[in-house]
Amino acid sequence: MQKYLEAFYNSFLGTLDWTWKSIIFEVPWYTNYFWGLIAISLVVWGLEIAFPWRKNQAIFRKDFWLDAGYMFFNFFIFSIVISGIYKILELAFTEVNITAKTFALFDISEWAPILQLLVFFIILDFVQWFTHVLLHKYHILWRFHKVHHSVKEMGFAAHLRYHWMENIFYKPLKTFGVMLIGGFEPSQAYIVHFITIAIGHLNHANIKITWGPLKYIFNNPVMHLYHHAYTLPEGKKGVNYGISLSLWDYIFKTNYIPEDSGTIEIGFKGDDEFPKDFVGQNLYGFAKGQK
């Protein structure tokens, strides 16, 4: 028990220290998630201001600051708190001889770095797509995912408005996805991380982008807006589940883009009674009898 407590404590302090060093620019710039998130956010927000899709939407749209708070909470504060738990799990798996190579389907250590990153990106994106489908399919998971769908005006910061429990759902499956790739160096993952943040911000932004023929590969704001549509096709619990890639939706027939005006109502039935504040939203999902 002592070693688990020490692992938790050391991981917690290590993540806290790294975050602080990021804030004061004492980590390599290409691994600085704190200022990287801010830089990406400012660039995408600037694009929203310069080229707004919904021109009557305010620059500081509805819940702009709530979503900004979510970005820093989910990306940093919660990550610091939960890091110790993940370290304990990693230690426990190691003790029963389950390592990063246990479930490896193939070894990519000899592949070119760019090819390694591409494979990592594709596998990780599919795992996230699949997890996203589960969040809509099962009621117990949807109760938490409702926080993300409570957005009523779409903008870049809505990307990271989600219930902290989603970290619990996504992280193990993402970790398992990484374990399928033998020889991949996690230190390279920061490149994919920044790319996915930028794509996620763009997909939630008030910008009309479709990527032309590449829309069948990459997710886009038009496609993702319909993921948040208040009214879904009959019998569907969700559409357009793609995170960075739209590819999976077209393969598994979950794509849906009936028009591209950008004026549709977003949210979900009953969202008028959903908590409007940060605390209320993050407590939501735990009470019995919630729909």
C-alpha atoms as a PDB file:
ATOM      1  CA  MET A   1       0.000   0.000   0.000  1.00  0.00           C
ATOM      2  CA  GLN A   2       2.876   2.339   0.822  1.00  0.00           C
ATOM      3  CA  LYS A   3       4.328   2.152  -2.684  1.00  0.00           C
ATOM      4  CA  TYR A   4       0.936   2.924  -4.193  1.00  0.00           C
ATOM      5  CA  LEU A   5       0.565   5.982  -1.997  1.00  0.00           C
ATOM      6  CA  GLU A   6       4.070   7.108  -2.940  1.00  0.00           C
ATOM      7  CA  ALA A   7       3.324   6.549  -6.630  1.00  0.00           C
ATOM      8  CA  PHE A   8       0.149   8.626  -6.324  1.00  0.00           C
ATOM      9  CA  TYR A   9       1.919  11.412  -4.443  1.00  0.00           C
ATOM     10  CA  ASN A  10       4.937  11.560  -6.767  1.00  0.00           C
ATOM     11  CA  SER A  11       2.802  11.529  -9.899  1.00  0.00           C
ATOM     12  CA  PHE A  12       0.514  14.242  -8.542  1.00  0.00           C
ATOM     13  CA  LEU A  13       3.441  16.491  -7.634  1.00  0.00           C
ATOM     14  CA  GLY A  14       5.215  15.737 -10.891  1.00  0.00           C
ATOM     15  CA  THR A  15       2.211  16.732 -12.993  1.00  0.00           C
ATOM     16  CA  LEU A  16       1.664  19.836 -10.872  1.00  0.00           C
ATOM     17  CA  ASP A  17       5.320  20.818 -11.243  1.00  0.00           C
ATOM     18  CA  TRP A  18       5.272  20.242 -15.011  1.00  0.00           C
ATOM     19  CA  THR A  19       2.164  22.379 -15.362  1.00  0.00           C
ATOM     20  CA  TRP A  20       3.716  25.204 -13.375  1.00  0.00           C
ATOM     21  CA  LYS A  21       6.930  24.992 -15.390  1.00  0.00           C
ATOM     22  CA  SER A  22       4.832  25.164 -18.547  1.00  0.00           C
ATOM     23  CA  ILE A  23       3.187  28.353 -17.333  1.00  0.00           C
ATOM     24  CA  ILE A  24       6.552  30.000 -16.631  1.00  0.00           C
ATOM     25  CA  PHE A  25       8.132  28.707 -19.888  1.00  0.00           C
ATOM     26  CA  GLU A  26      10.564  26.268 -18.278  1.00  0.00           C
ATOM     27  CA  VAL A  27       9.676  23.326 -20.556  1.00  0.00           C
ATOM     28  CA  PRO A  28      10.519  22.890 -24.255  1.00  0.00           C
ATOM     29  CA  TRP A  29       8.120  25.002 -26.322  1.00  0.00           C
ATOM     30  CA  TYR A  30       6.977  22.031 -28.410  1.00  0.00           C
ATOM     31  CA  THR A  31       5.717  20.243 -25.257  1.00  0.00           C
ATOM     32  CA  ASN A  32       4.132  23.284 -23.632  1.00  0.00           C
ATOM     33  CA  TYR A  33       0.472  22.297 -23.527  1.00  0.00           C
ATOM     34  CA  PHE A  34      -0.553  25.295 -21.415  1.00  0.00           C
ATOM     35  CA  TRP A  35       0.539  28.031 -23.798  1.00  0.00           C
ATOM     36  CA  GLY A  36      -0.050  25.772 -26.782  1.00  0.00           C
ATOM     37  CA  LEU A  37      -3.736  25.547 -25.851  1.00  0.00           C
ATOM     38  CA  ILE A  38      -3.924  29.322 -25.439  1.00  0.00           C
ATOM     39  CA  ALA A  39      -2.170  29.965 -28.768  1.00  0.00           C
ATOM     40  CA  ILE A  40      -4.425  27.561 -30.687  1.00  0.00           C
ATOM     41  CA  SER A  41      -7.507  29.034 -28.987  1.00  0.00           C
ATOM     42  CA  LEU A  42      -6.568  32.603 -29.877  1.00  0.00           C
ATOM     43  CA  VAL A  43      -5.853  31.694 -33.508  1.00  0.00           C
ATOM     44  CA  VAL A  44      -9.162  29.857 -33.978  1.00  0.00           C
ATOM     45  CA  TRP A  45     -11.074  32.568 -32.103  1.00  0.00           C
ATOM     46  CA  GLY A  46      -9.468  35.124 -34.400  1.00  0.00           C
ATOM     47  CA  LEU A  47     -10.698  33.151 -37.404  1.00  0.00           C
ATOM     48  CA  GLU A  48     -14.195  33.127 -35.893  1.00  0.00           C
ATOM     49  CA  ILE A  49     -14.107  36.895 -35.550  1.00  0.00           C
ATOM     50  CA  ALA A  50     -12.697  37.469 -39.047  1.00  0.00           C
ATOM     51  CA  PHE A  51     -14.793  34.891 -40.928  1.00  0.00           C
ATOM     52  CA  PRO A  52     -17.943  34.158 -38.894  1.00  0.00           C
ATOM     53  CA  TRP A  53     -20.279  31.507 -40.271  1.00  0.00           C
ATOM     54  CA  ARG A  54     -23.227  32.699 -38.174  1.00  0.00           C
ATOM     55  CA  LYS A  55     -22.753  36.442 -38.547  1.00  0.00           C
ATOM     56  CA  ASN A  56     -25.347  37.358 -35.915  1.00  0.00           C
ATOM     57  CA  GLN A  57     -23.540  35.356 -33.235  1.00  0.00           C
ATOM     58  CA  ALA A  58     -21.709  37.538 -30.707  1.00  0.00           C
ATOM     59  CA  ILE A  59     -17.927  37.377 -30.416  1.00  0.00           C
ATOM     60  CA  PHE A  60     -18.430  36.555 -26.734  1.00  0.00           C
ATOM     61  CA  ARG A  61     -21.212  34.078 -27.443  1.00  0.00           C
ATOM     62  CA  LYS A  62     -23.535  32.508 -24.901  1.00  0.00           C
ATOM     63  CA  ASP A  63     -21.507  30.664 -22.203  1.00  0.00           C
ATOM     64  CA  PHE A  64     -18.181  31.779 -23.711  1.00  0.00           C
ATOM     65  CA  TRP A  65     -16.533  32.161 -20.304  1.00  0.00           C
ATOM     66  CA  LEU A  66     -18.082  28.967 -18.933  1.00  0.00           C
ATOM     67  CA  ASP A  67     -16.508  27.040 -21.798  1.00  0.00           C
ATOM     68  CA  ALA A  68     -13.175  28.807 -21.306  1.00  0.00           C
ATOM     69  CA  GLY A  69     -13.255  27.654 -17.693  1.00  0.00           C
ATOM     70  CA  TYR A  70     -13.952  24.105 -18.813  1.00  0.00           C
ATOM     71  CA  MET A  71     -10.909  24.200 -21.090  1.00  0.00           C
ATOM     72  CA  PHE A  72      -8.524  24.871 -18.254  1.00  0.00           C
ATOM     73  CA  PHE A  73     -10.323  22.647 -15.750  1.00  0.00           C
ATOM     74  CA  ASN A  74     -10.439  19.559 -17.962  1.00  0.00           C
ATOM     75  CA  PHE A  75      -7.086  20.111 -19.599  1.00  0.00           C
ATOM     76  CA  PHE A  76      -5.033  20.940 -16.518  1.00  0.00           C
ATOM     77  CA  ILE A  77      -6.709  20.969 -13.092  1.00  0.00           C
ATOM     78  CA  PHE A  78      -8.473  17.624 -13.434  1.00  0.00           C
ATOM     79  CA  SER A  79      -5.442  16.127 -15.185  1.00  0.00           C
ATOM     80  CA  ILE A  80      -3.299  17.020 -12.179  1.00  0.00           C
ATOM     81  CA  VAL A  81      -5.799  15.499  -9.749  1.00  0.00           C
ATOM     82  CA  ILE A  82      -6.303  12.269 -11.688  1.00  0.00           C
ATOM     83  CA  SER A  83      -2.646  11.684 -12.657  1.00  0.00           C
ATOM     84  CA  GLY A  84      -1.927   9.872  -9.391  1.00  0.00           C
ATOM     85  CA  ILE A  85      -4.797   7.434  -9.982  1.00  0.00           C
ATOM     86  CA  TYR A  86      -3.460   6.509 -13.392  1.00  0.00           C
ATOM     87  CA  LYS A  87       0.001   5.967 -11.942  1.00  0.00           C
ATOM     88  CA  ILE A  88      -1.431   3.552  -9.377  1.00  0.00           C
ATOM     89  CA  LEU A  89      -3.188   1.606 -12.143  1.00  0.00           C
ATOM     90  CA  GLU A  90      -0.002   1.517 -14.206  1.00  0.00           C
ATOM     91  CA  LEU A  91       1.907   0.134 -11.215  1.00  0.00           C
ATOM     92  CA  ALA A  92      -0.781  -2.466 -10.544  1.00  0.00           C
ATOM     93  CA  PHE A  93      -0.707  -3.678 -14.150  1.00  0.00           C
ATOM     94  CA  THR A  94       3.078  -3.900 -14.087  1.00  0.00           C
ATOM     95  CA  GLU A  95       2.944  -6.148 -11.028  1.00  0.00           C
ATOM     96  CA  VAL A  96       0.820  -8.680 -12.909  1.00  0.00           C
ATOM     97  CA  ASN A  97       3.159  -8.494 -15.916  1.00  0.00           C
ATOM     98  CA  ILE A  98       0.913  -6.365 -18.116  1.00  0.00           C
ATOM     99  CA  THR A  99       3.101  -3.824 -19.893  1.00  0.00           C
ATOM    100  CA  ALA A 100       2.821  -1.509 -22.883  1.00  0.00           C
ATOM    101  CA  LYS A 101       3.881  -4.415 -25.122  1.00  0.00           C
ATOM    102  CA  THR A 102       1.501  -7.064 -23.778  1.00  0.00           C
ATOM    103  CA  PHE A 103      -1.264  -6.449 -26.324  1.00  0.00           C
ATOM    104  CA  ALA A 104       0.892  -5.157 -29.182  1.00  0.00           C
ATOM    105  CA  LEU A 105      -0.397  -6.356 -32.550  1.00  0.00           C
ATOM    106  CA  PHE A 106       2.650  -5.147 -34.464  1.00  0.00           C
ATOM    107  CA  ASP A 107       5.950  -3.384 -33.871  1.00  0.00           C
ATOM    108  CA  ILE A 108       6.497  -0.020 -35.539  1.00  0.00           C
ATOM    109  CA  SER A 109       9.785   0.882 -33.862  1.00  0.00           C
ATOM    110  CA  GLU A 110      11.685   0.517 -37.146  1.00  0.00           C
ATOM    111  CA  TRP A 111       9.206   2.557 -39.170  1.00  0.00           C
ATOM    112  CA  ALA A 112       9.845   6.136 -40.221  1.00  0.00           C
ATOM    113  CA  PRO A 113       8.805   8.572 -37.438  1.00  0.00           C
ATOM    114  CA  ILE A 114       6.165  10.254 -39.607  1.00  0.00           C
ATOM    115  CA  LEU A 115       4.576   6.856 -40.353  1.00  0.00           C
ATOM    116  CA  GLN A 116       4.605   5.970 -36.655  1.00  0.00           C
ATOM    117  CA  LEU A 117       2.766   9.186 -35.845  1.00  0.00           C
ATOM    118  CA  LEU A 118       0.240   8.582 -38.624  1.00  0.00           C
ATOM    119  CA  VAL A 119      -0.578   5.082 -37.356  1.00  0.00           C
ATOM    120  CA  PHE A 120      -0.812   6.377 -33.781  1.00  0.00           C
ATOM    121  CA  PHE A 121      -3.124   9.191 -34.893  1.00  0.00           C
ATOM    122  CA  ILE A 122      -5.447   6.878 -36.857  1.00  0.00           C
ATOM    123  CA  ILE A 123      -5.730   4.205 -34.155  1.00  0.00           C
ATOM    124  CA  LEU A 124      -6.245   6.740 -31.401  1.00  0.00           C
ATOM    125  CA  ASP A 125      -8.907   8.547 -33.419  1.00  0.00           C
ATOM    126  CA  PHE A 126     -10.824   5.323 -34.069  1.00  0.00           C
ATOM    127  CA  VAL A 127     -10.755   4.461 -30.357  1.00  0.00           C
ATOM    128  CA  GLN A 128     -12.136   7.924 -29.554  1.00  0.00           C
ATOM    129  CA  TRP A 129     -14.813   7.580 -32.274  1.00  0.00           C
ATOM    130  CA  PHE A 130     -15.879   4.235 -30.800  1.00  0.00           C
ATOM    131  CA  THR A 131     -15.938   5.642 -27.253  1.00  0.00           C
ATOM    132  CA  HIS A 132     -18.003   8.576 -28.490  1.00  0.00           C
ATOM    133  CA  VAL A 133     -20.563   6.178 -29.968  1.00  0.00           C
ATOM    134  CA  LEU A 134     -20.825   4.442 -26.582  1.00  0.00           C
ATOM    135  CA  LEU A 135     -21.423   7.786 -24.840  1.00  0.00           C
ATOM    136  CA  HIS A 136     -24.545   8.242 -26.973  1.00  0.00           C
ATOM    137  CA  LYS A 137     -25.705   4.639 -27.015  1.00  0.00           C
ATOM    138  CA  TYR A 138     -25.804   3.869 -23.297  1.00  0.00           C
ATOM    139  CA  HIS A 139     -27.945   5.973 -20.982  1.00  0.00           C
ATOM    140  CA  ILE A 140     -25.565   5.737 -18.018  1.00  0.00           C
ATOM    141  CA  LEU A 141     -22.830   7.307 -20.181  1.00  0.00           C
ATOM    142  CA  TRP A 142     -25.115   9.768 -21.973  1.00  0.00           C
ATOM    143  CA  ARG A 143     -26.051  11.372 -18.638  1.00  0.00           C
ATOM    144  CA  PHE A 144     -22.471  12.620 -18.366  1.00  0.00           C
ATOM    145  CA  HIS A 145     -22.038  13.381 -22.068  1.00  0.00           C
ATOM    146  CA  LYS A 146     -25.044  15.706 -21.889  1.00  0.00           C
ATOM    147  CA  VAL A 147     -22.725  18.378 -20.487  1.00  0.00           C
ATOM    148  CA  HIS A 148     -20.970  18.659 -23.839  1.00  0.00           C
ATOM    149  CA  HIS A 149     -24.282  18.765 -25.678  1.00  0.00           C
ATOM    150  CA  SER A 150     -25.667  21.468 -23.401  1.00  0.00           C
ATOM    151  CA  VAL A 151     -23.909  24.053 -25.601  1.00  0.00           C
ATOM    152  CA  LYS A 152     -26.558  26.298 -27.188  1.00  0.00           C
ATOM    153  CA  GLU A 153     -24.259  28.500 -29.308  1.00  0.00           C
ATOM    154  CA  MET A 154     -21.305  26.808 -30.937  1.00  0.00           C
ATOM    155  CA  GLY A 155     -17.801  28.213 -30.692  1.00  0.00           C
ATOM    156  CA  PHE A 156     -14.215  26.946 -30.432  1.00  0.00           C
ATOM    157  CA  ALA A 157     -14.180  26.717 -26.620  1.00  0.00           C
ATOM    158  CA  ALA A 158     -17.152  24.333 -26.659  1.00  0.00           C
ATOM    159  CA  HIS A 159     -14.597  21.730 -27.739  1.00  0.00           C
ATOM    160  CA  LEU A 160     -13.463  21.179 -24.154  1.00  0.00           C
ATOM    161  CA  ARG A 161     -16.796  21.616 -22.383  1.00  0.00           C
ATOM    162  CA  TYR A 162     -17.350  18.083 -21.119  1.00  0.00           C
ATOM    163  CA  HIS A 163     -18.054  16.319 -17.837  1.00  0.00           C
ATOM    164  CA  TRP A 164     -14.920  15.251 -15.991  1.00  0.00           C
ATOM    165  CA  MET A 165     -16.187  11.645 -15.997  1.00  0.00           C
ATOM    166  CA  GLU A 166     -15.468  11.531 -19.714  1.00  0.00           C
ATOM    167  CA  ASN A 167     -11.781  11.497 -18.825  1.00  0.00           C
ATOM    168  CA  ILE A 168     -12.482   8.304 -16.907  1.00  0.00           C
ATOM    169  CA  PHE A 169     -14.219   6.747 -19.919  1.00  0.00           C
ATOM    170  CA  TYR A 170     -11.778   7.849 -22.622  1.00  0.00           C
ATOM    171  CA  LYS A 171      -8.412   7.408 -20.920  1.00  0.00           C
ATOM    172  CA  PRO A 172      -8.433   3.595 -20.413  1.00  0.00           C
ATOM    173  CA  LEU A 173      -9.582   2.928 -23.979  1.00  0.00           C
ATOM    174  CA  LYS A 174      -7.058   5.402 -25.391  1.00  0.00           C
ATOM    175  CA  THR A 175      -4.329   3.742 -23.338  1.00  0.00           C
ATOM    176  CA  PHE A 176      -5.384   0.325 -24.642  1.00  0.00           C
ATOM    177  CA  GLY A 177      -5.283   1.707 -28.179  1.00  0.00           C
ATOM    178  CA  VAL A 178      -1.697   2.855 -27.653  1.00  0.00           C
ATOM    179  CA  MET A 179      -0.814  -0.592 -26.239  1.00  0.00           C
ATOM    180  CA  LEU A 180      -1.800  -2.168 -29.556  1.00  0.00           C
ATOM    181  CA  ILE A 181       1.170  -0.407 -31.175  1.00  0.00           C
ATOM    182  CA  GLY A 182       4.487  -1.987 -30.261  1.00  0.00           C
ATOM    183  CA  GLY A 183       7.572   0.197 -30.346  1.00  0.00           C
ATOM    184  CA  PHE A 184       5.823   3.551 -30.387  1.00  0.00           C
ATOM    185  CA  GLU A 185       7.524   6.235 -28.313  1.00  0.00           C
ATOM    186  CA  PRO A 186       4.901   8.160 -26.263  1.00  0.00           C
ATOM    187  CA  SER A 187       7.236  11.167 -26.233  1.00  0.00           C
ATOM    188  CA  GLN A 188       6.245  11.720 -29.866  1.00  0.00           C
ATOM    189  CA  ALA A 189       2.565  11.926 -28.950  1.00  0.00           C
ATOM    190  CA  TYR A 190       2.671  15.662 -28.233  1.00  0.00           C
ATOM    191  CA  ILE A 191       2.655  16.320 -31.997  1.00  0.00           C
ATOM    192  CA  VAL A 192      -0.599  14.407 -32.472  1.00  0.00           C
ATOM    193  CA  HIS A 193      -1.984  16.023 -29.326  1.00  0.00           C
ATOM    194  CA  PHE A 194      -1.552  19.554 -30.692  1.00  0.00           C
ATOM    195  CA  ILE A 195      -2.972  18.534 -34.072  1.00  0.00           C
ATOM    196  CA  THR A 196      -6.107  17.015 -32.503  1.00  0.00           C
ATOM    197  CA  ILE A 197      -6.640  20.085 -30.294  1.00  0.00           C
ATOM    198  CA  ALA A 198      -6.480  22.352 -33.352  1.00  0.00           C
ATOM    199  CA  ILE A 199      -8.881  20.149 -35.339  1.00  0.00           C
ATOM    200  CA  GLY A 200     -11.263  19.918 -32.369  1.00  0.00           C
ATOM    201  CA  HIS A 201     -11.275  23.685 -31.916  1.00  0.00           C
ATOM    202  CA  LEU A 202     -11.961  24.209 -35.632  1.00  0.00           C
ATOM    203  CA  ASN A 203     -14.773  21.646 -35.632  1.00  0.00           C
ATOM    204  CA  HIS A 204     -16.582  23.550 -32.885  1.00  0.00           C
ATOM    205  CA  ALA A 205     -15.767  27.014 -34.240  1.00  0.00           C
ATOM    206  CA  ASN A 206     -18.155  29.491 -35.828  1.00  0.00           C
ATOM    207  CA  ILE A 207     -16.429  29.020 -39.180  1.00  0.00           C
ATOM    208  CA  LYS A 208     -17.734  27.325 -42.303  1.00  0.00           C
ATOM    209  CA  ILE A 209     -15.150  24.810 -43.454  1.00  0.00           C
ATOM    210  CA  THR A 210     -15.871  21.611 -45.372  1.00  0.00           C
ATOM    211  CA  TRP A 211     -12.399  20.702 -46.778  1.00  0.00           C
ATOM    212  CA  GLY A 212     -13.853  19.891 -50.226  1.00  0.00           C
ATOM    213  CA  PRO A 213     -13.230  16.245 -51.219  1.00  0.00           C
ATOM    214  CA  LEU A 214     -11.236  15.803 -47.997  1.00  0.00           C
ATOM    215  CA  LYS A 215     -14.513  16.036 -46.045  1.00  0.00           C
ATOM    216  CA  TYR A 216     -14.681  12.238 -46.360  1.00  0.00           C
ATOM    217  CA  ILE A 217     -11.488  12.015 -44.330  1.00  0.00           C
ATOM    218  CA  PHE A 218     -11.409  14.988 -41.971  1.00  0.00           C
ATOM    219  CA  ASN A 219     -14.154  16.152 -39.633  1.00  0.00           C
ATOM    220  CA  ASN A 220     -15.331  19.748 -40.115  1.00  0.00           C
ATOM    221  CA  PRO A 221     -17.540  22.421 -38.469  1.00  0.00           C
ATOM    222  CA  VAL A 222     -20.506  21.780 -40.776  1.00  0.00           C
ATOM    223  CA  MET A 223     -20.490  18.067 -40.054  1.00  0.00           C
ATOM    224  CA  HIS A 224     -19.938  18.477 -36.339  1.00  0.00           C
ATOM    225  CA  LEU A 225     -22.689  21.070 -35.938  1.00  0.00           C
ATOM    226  CA  TYR A 226     -25.152  18.352 -36.931  1.00  0.00           C
ATOM    227  CA  HIS A 227     -23.681  16.116 -34.258  1.00  0.00           C
ATOM    228  CA  HIS A 228     -25.001  18.721 -31.803  1.00  0.00           C
ATOM    229  CA  ALA A 229     -28.378  19.087 -33.563  1.00  0.00           C
ATOM    230  CA  TYR A 230     -31.404  19.327 -31.284  1.00  0.00           C
ATOM    231  CA  THR A 231     -33.451  17.271 -33.748  1.00  0.00           C
ATOM    232  CA  LEU A 232     -31.841  14.050 -34.969  1.00  0.00           C
ATOM    233  CA  PRO A 233     -32.984  11.633 -37.683  1.00  0.00           C
ATOM    234  CA  GLU A 234     -35.717   9.307 -36.448  1.00  0.00           C
ATOM    235  CA  GLY A 235     -34.368   6.330 -34.528  1.00  0.00           C
ATOM    236  CA  LYS A 236     -30.867   7.807 -34.180  1.00  0.00           C
ATOM    237  CA  LYS A 237     -29.177   8.482 -30.845  1.00  0.00           C
ATOM    238  CA  GLY A 238     -26.435  10.416 -32.555  1.00  0.00           C
ATOM    239  CA  VAL A 239     -24.738  11.171 -35.869  1.00  0.00           C
ATOM    240  CA  ASN A 240     -21.323  12.393 -37.030  1.00  0.00           C
ATOM    241  CA  TYR A 241     -19.359  10.960 -34.099  1.00  0.00           C
ATOM    242  CA  GLY A 242     -15.967  11.757 -35.633  1.00  0.00           C
ATOM    243  CA  ILE A 243     -13.321  13.426 -33.482  1.00  0.00           C
ATOM    244  CA  SER A 244     -10.605  14.398 -35.960  1.00  0.00           C
ATOM    245  CA  LEU A 245     -11.529  12.074 -38.809  1.00  0.00           C
ATOM    246  CA  SER A 246     -14.918  11.835 -40.513  1.00  0.00           C
ATOM    247  CA  LEU A 247     -13.742   8.629 -42.167  1.00  0.00           C
ATOM    248  CA  TRP A 248     -15.337   6.356 -39.553  1.00  0.00           C
ATOM    249  CA  ASP A 249     -18.758   7.955 -39.929  1.00  0.00           C
ATOM    250  CA  TYR A 250     -18.745   7.383 -43.667  1.00  0.00           C
ATOM    251  CA  ILE A 251     -17.517   3.804 -43.235  1.00  0.00           C
ATOM    252  CA  PHE A 252     -20.101   2.903 -40.578  1.00  0.00           C
ATOM    253  CA  LYS A 253     -22.927   4.968 -42.086  1.00  0.00           C
ATOM    254  CA  THR A 254     -23.320   7.391 -39.173  1.00  0.00           C
ATOM    255  CA  ASN A 255     -22.761  10.475 -41.355  1.00  0.00           C
ATOM    256  CA  TYR A 256     -25.567  13.038 -41.684  1.00  0.00           C
ATOM    257  CA  ILE A 257     -25.375  16.493 -43.297  1.00  0.00           C
ATOM    258  CA  PRO A 258     -28.781  17.495 -44.756  1.00  0.00           C
ATOM    259  CA  GLU A 259     -27.801  21.166 -45.339  1.00  0.00           C
ATOM    260  CA  ASP A 260     -25.100  23.664 -44.400  1.00  0.00           C
ATOM    261  CA  SER A 261     -26.764  26.928 -43.356  1.00  0.00           C
ATOM    262  CA  GLY A 262     -25.374  26.689 -39.826  1.00  0.00           C
ATOM    263  CA  THR A 263     -28.644  27.996 -38.402  1.00  0.00           C
ATOM    264  CA  ILE A 264     -30.015  24.811 -36.847  1.00  0.00           C
ATOM    265  CA  GLU A 265     -30.939  24.592 -33.165  1.00  0.00           C
ATOM    266  CA  ILE A 266     -28.453  22.649 -31.098  1.00  0.00           C
ATOM    267  CA  GLY A 267     -28.774  20.909 -27.754  1.00  0.00           C
ATOM    268  CA  PHE A 268     -31.065  18.075 -26.641  1.00  0.00           C
ATOM    269  CA  LYS A 269     -34.649  17.605 -25.545  1.00  0.00           C
ATOM    270  CA  GLY A 270     -35.026  18.865 -21.978  1.00  0.00           C
ATOM    271  CA  ASP A 271     -31.888  21.023 -22.067  1.00  0.00           C
ATOM    272  CA  ASP A 272     -33.953  23.971 -20.803  1.00  0.00           C
ATOM    273  CA  GLU A 273     -33.987  22.225 -17.409  1.00  0.00           C
ATOM    274  CA  PHE A 274     -30.316  21.249 -17.528  1.00  0.00           C
ATOM    275  CA  PRO A 275     -28.000  23.016 -15.009  1.00  0.00           C
ATOM    276  CA  LYS A 276     -26.489  26.210 -16.418  1.00  0.00           C
ATOM    277  CA  ASP A 277     -23.548  26.528 -14.012  1.00  0.00           C
ATOM    278  CA  PHE A 278     -20.240  24.670 -13.824  1.00  0.00           C
ATOM    279  CA  VAL A 279     -20.854  22.988 -10.456  1.00  0.00           C
ATOM    280  CA  GLY A 280     -24.385  21.908 -11.308  1.00  0.00           C
ATOM    281  CA  GLN A 281     -23.300  20.444 -14.628  1.00  0.00           C
ATOM    282  CA  ASN A 282     -20.446  18.487 -13.074  1.00  0.00           C
ATOM    283  CA  LEU A 283     -22.661  17.042 -10.361  1.00  0.00           C
ATOM    284  CA  TYR A 284     -25.230  16.091 -12.964  1.00  0.00           C
ATOM    285  CA  GLY A 285     -25.316  12.421 -13.865  1.00  0.00           C
ATOM    286  CA  PHE A 286     -24.790  11.029 -10.388  1.00  0.00           C
ATOM    287  CA  ALA A 287     -28.314  11.502  -9.042  1.00  0.00           C
ATOM    288  CA  LYS A 288     -30.815   8.665  -9.394  1.00  0.00           C
ATOM    289  CA  GLY A 289     -33.711   8.970 -11.772  1.00  0.00           C
ATOM    290  CA  GLN A 290     -32.053  11.400 -14.193  1.00  0.00           C
ATOM    291  CA  LYS A 291     -33.067  11.014 -17.810  1.00  0.00           C
END
